[in-house]
Amino acid sequence: MGSRFLVFLSDYKLIKELFSSQTFANRPDLSTLTLSEDRSVGMVATNGPHWQEIRRFTLRHLRDLGMGKSRILSTVHYEVSELVKEIKKETGKPGPFPRALESRP
């Protein structure tokens, strides 16, 4: 990927062995996943306790929304339509990504 080497694993036993090792526990440091110079954010770009906290938070709220049940579909449709409305408000205006999308209740 870019100037980094990638290794693709296709053997189940090898994948299981490597992923249970601390050596392969962290994610690579990819500048494309870093939103600010000093830290990575989100579930994809973080490691350790911060990642665990984000994962727990995300799973708890997805369960509250009905993850694994048919009712989540209507909730996802609603959230996406609200996101689209917020983005459309900014159409034609230069500037950063709308702040309203970062902190929805």
C-alpha atoms as a PDB file:
ATOM      1  CA  MET A   1       0.000   0.000   0.000  1.00  0.00           C
ATOM      2  CA  GLY A   2       1.838   3.059  -1.183  1.00  0.00           C
ATOM      3  CA  SER A   3       5.408   2.722   0.058  1.00  0.00           C
ATOM      4  CA  ARG A   4       4.516   0.003   2.593  1.00  0.00           C
ATOM      5  CA  PHE A   5       4.744  -3.713   2.085  1.00  0.00           C
ATOM      6  CA  LEU A   6       1.592  -5.777   2.624  1.00  0.00           C
ATOM      7  CA  VAL A   7       1.379  -9.432   3.496  1.00  0.00           C
ATOM      8  CA  PHE A   8      -1.759 -11.395   2.703  1.00  0.00           C
ATOM      9  CA  LEU A   9      -2.450 -14.479   4.780  1.00  0.00           C
ATOM     10  CA  SER A  10      -4.691 -17.256   3.566  1.00  0.00           C
ATOM     11  CA  ASP A  11      -3.951 -20.112   5.973  1.00  0.00           C
ATOM     12  CA  TYR A  12      -6.490 -20.244   8.823  1.00  0.00           C
ATOM     13  CA  LYS A  13      -4.113 -21.847  11.345  1.00  0.00           C
ATOM     14  CA  LEU A  14      -1.366 -19.310  10.619  1.00  0.00           C
ATOM     15  CA  ILE A  15      -3.803 -16.380  10.883  1.00  0.00           C
ATOM     16  CA  LYS A  16      -5.125 -17.674  14.210  1.00  0.00           C
ATOM     17  CA  GLU A  17      -1.598 -18.147  15.560  1.00  0.00           C
ATOM     18  CA  LEU A  18      -0.414 -14.679  14.450  1.00  0.00           C
ATOM     19  CA  PHE A  19      -3.481 -12.804  15.668  1.00  0.00           C
ATOM     20  CA  SER A  20      -3.249 -14.382  19.119  1.00  0.00           C
ATOM     21  CA  SER A  21       0.315 -13.069  19.414  1.00  0.00           C
ATOM     22  CA  GLN A  22       1.089  -9.659  20.973  1.00  0.00           C
ATOM     23  CA  THR A  23       3.547  -9.013  18.128  1.00  0.00           C
ATOM     24  CA  PHE A  24       0.662  -8.576  15.693  1.00  0.00           C
ATOM     25  CA  ALA A  25      -1.800  -6.973  18.101  1.00  0.00           C
ATOM     26  CA  ASN A  26      -1.424  -3.352  16.936  1.00  0.00           C
ATOM     27  CA  ARG A  27      -2.525  -1.742  13.723  1.00  0.00           C
ATOM     28  CA  PRO A  28      -0.002  -0.157  11.362  1.00  0.00           C
ATOM     29  CA  ASP A  29       0.688   3.555  11.665  1.00  0.00           C
ATOM     30  CA  LEU A  30      -0.974   4.872   8.509  1.00  0.00           C
ATOM     31  CA  SER A  31      -0.959   8.617   8.010  1.00  0.00           C
ATOM     32  CA  THR A  32      -4.136   8.333   5.908  1.00  0.00           C
ATOM     33  CA  LEU A  33      -6.028   7.223   9.029  1.00  0.00           C
ATOM     34  CA  THR A  34      -4.718  10.030  11.230  1.00  0.00           C
ATOM     35  CA  LEU A  35      -6.945  13.098  11.470  1.00  0.00           C
ATOM     36  CA  SER A  36      -4.510  15.228  13.414  1.00  0.00           C
ATOM     37  CA  GLU A  37      -0.738  15.250  13.670  1.00  0.00           C
ATOM     38  CA  ASP A  38      -0.565  13.922  17.209  1.00  0.00           C
ATOM     39  CA  ARG A  39      -3.154  11.142  17.367  1.00  0.00           C
ATOM     40  CA  SER A  40      -5.221   8.624  15.472  1.00  0.00           C
ATOM     41  CA  VAL A  41      -8.946   8.412  16.015  1.00  0.00           C
ATOM     42  CA  GLY A  42     -11.712   5.941  15.390  1.00  0.00           C
ATOM     43  CA  MET A  43     -11.812   2.182  15.560  1.00  0.00           C
ATOM     44  CA  VAL A  44      -9.643   1.571  12.508  1.00  0.00           C
ATOM     45  CA  ALA A  45      -6.622   3.683  13.440  1.00  0.00           C
ATOM     46  CA  THR A  46      -6.261   3.174  17.197  1.00  0.00           C
ATOM     47  CA  ASN A  47      -4.738   0.506  19.435  1.00  0.00           C
ATOM     48  CA  GLY A  48      -4.786  -0.662  23.007  1.00  0.00           C
ATOM     49  CA  PRO A  49      -7.096   0.684  25.729  1.00  0.00           C
ATOM     50  CA  HIS A  50      -8.390   3.543  23.553  1.00  0.00           C
ATOM     51  CA  TRP A  51      -9.454   1.030  20.873  1.00  0.00           C
ATOM     52  CA  GLN A  52     -11.123  -1.193  23.477  1.00  0.00           C
ATOM     53  CA  GLU A  53     -13.086   1.762  24.854  1.00  0.00           C
ATOM     54  CA  ILE A  54     -14.261   2.808  21.369  1.00  0.00           C
ATOM     55  CA  ARG A  55     -15.187  -0.785  20.502  1.00  0.00           C
ATOM     56  CA  ARG A  56     -17.244  -1.233  23.686  1.00  0.00           C
ATOM     57  CA  PHE A  57     -18.983   2.113  23.136  1.00  0.00           C
ATOM     58  CA  THR A  58     -19.781   1.272  19.500  1.00  0.00           C
ATOM     59  CA  LEU A  59     -21.087  -2.227  20.221  1.00  0.00           C
ATOM     60  CA  ARG A  60     -23.214  -1.013  23.144  1.00  0.00           C
ATOM     61  CA  HIS A  61     -24.855   1.647  21.005  1.00  0.00           C
ATOM     62  CA  LEU A  62     -25.311  -0.639  18.022  1.00  0.00           C
ATOM     63  CA  ARG A  63     -27.073  -3.128  20.305  1.00  0.00           C
ATOM     64  CA  ASP A  64     -29.264  -0.312  21.630  1.00  0.00           C
ATOM     65  CA  LEU A  65     -30.171   0.541  18.045  1.00  0.00           C
ATOM     66  CA  GLY A  66     -31.120  -3.082  17.405  1.00  0.00           C
ATOM     67  CA  MET A  67     -28.021  -4.634  15.845  1.00  0.00           C
ATOM     68  CA  GLY A  68     -28.900  -8.115  14.727  1.00  0.00           C
ATOM     69  CA  LYS A  69     -32.595  -7.305  14.572  1.00  0.00           C
ATOM     70  CA  SER A  70     -34.690  -6.068  11.671  1.00  0.00           C
ATOM     71  CA  ARG A  71     -35.499  -2.749  13.374  1.00  0.00           C
ATOM     72  CA  ILE A  72     -31.933  -1.496  12.893  1.00  0.00           C
ATOM     73  CA  LEU A  73     -32.634  -1.011   9.182  1.00  0.00           C
ATOM     74  CA  SER A  74     -35.114   1.815   9.800  1.00  0.00           C
ATOM     75  CA  THR A  75     -32.744   3.411  12.314  1.00  0.00           C
ATOM     76  CA  VAL A  76     -29.854   3.303   9.838  1.00  0.00           C
ATOM     77  CA  HIS A  77     -32.080   4.811   7.118  1.00  0.00           C
ATOM     78  CA  TYR A  78     -33.063   7.630   9.459  1.00  0.00           C
ATOM     79  CA  GLU A  79     -29.467   8.376  10.492  1.00  0.00           C
ATOM     80  CA  VAL A  80     -28.268   8.346   6.886  1.00  0.00           C
ATOM     81  CA  SER A  81     -31.064  10.691   5.785  1.00  0.00           C
ATOM     82  CA  GLU A  82     -30.113  13.093   8.603  1.00  0.00           C
ATOM     83  CA  LEU A  83     -26.475  12.919   7.537  1.00  0.00           C
ATOM     84  CA  VAL A  84     -27.420  13.672   3.926  1.00  0.00           C
ATOM     85  CA  LYS A  85     -29.516  16.666   5.065  1.00  0.00           C
ATOM     86  CA  GLU A  86     -26.556  18.093   6.997  1.00  0.00           C
ATOM     87  CA  ILE A  87     -24.222  17.631   4.037  1.00  0.00           C
ATOM     88  CA  LYS A  88     -26.718  19.216   1.624  1.00  0.00           C
ATOM     89  CA  LYS A  89     -26.819  22.339   3.815  1.00  0.00           C
ATOM     90  CA  GLU A  90     -23.159  22.857   2.960  1.00  0.00           C
ATOM     91  CA  THR A  91     -23.517  22.336  -0.811  1.00  0.00           C
ATOM     92  CA  GLY A  92     -21.682  24.947  -2.824  1.00  0.00           C
ATOM     93  CA  LYS A  93     -19.902  26.414   0.188  1.00  0.00           C
ATOM     94  CA  PRO A  94     -16.170  25.973   0.614  1.00  0.00           C
ATOM     95  CA  GLY A  95     -15.010  24.917   4.049  1.00  0.00           C
ATOM     96  CA  PRO A  96     -14.289  22.005   6.344  1.00  0.00           C
ATOM     97  CA  PHE A  97     -16.574  19.041   6.859  1.00  0.00           C
ATOM     98  CA  PRO A  98     -19.678  20.194   8.799  1.00  0.00           C
ATOM     99  CA  ARG A  99     -19.090  20.137  12.576  1.00  0.00           C
ATOM    100  CA  ALA A 100     -22.726  19.154  13.168  1.00  0.00           C
ATOM    101  CA  LEU A 101     -21.909  15.675  11.880  1.00  0.00           C
ATOM    102  CA  GLU A 102     -19.254  15.101  14.547  1.00  0.00           C
ATOM    103  CA  SER A 103     -21.402  15.453  17.626  1.00  0.00           C
ATOM    104  CA  ARG A 104     -24.925  14.225  16.998  1.00  0.00           C
ATOM    105  CA  PRO A 105     -26.840  13.336  20.176  1.00  0.00           C
END
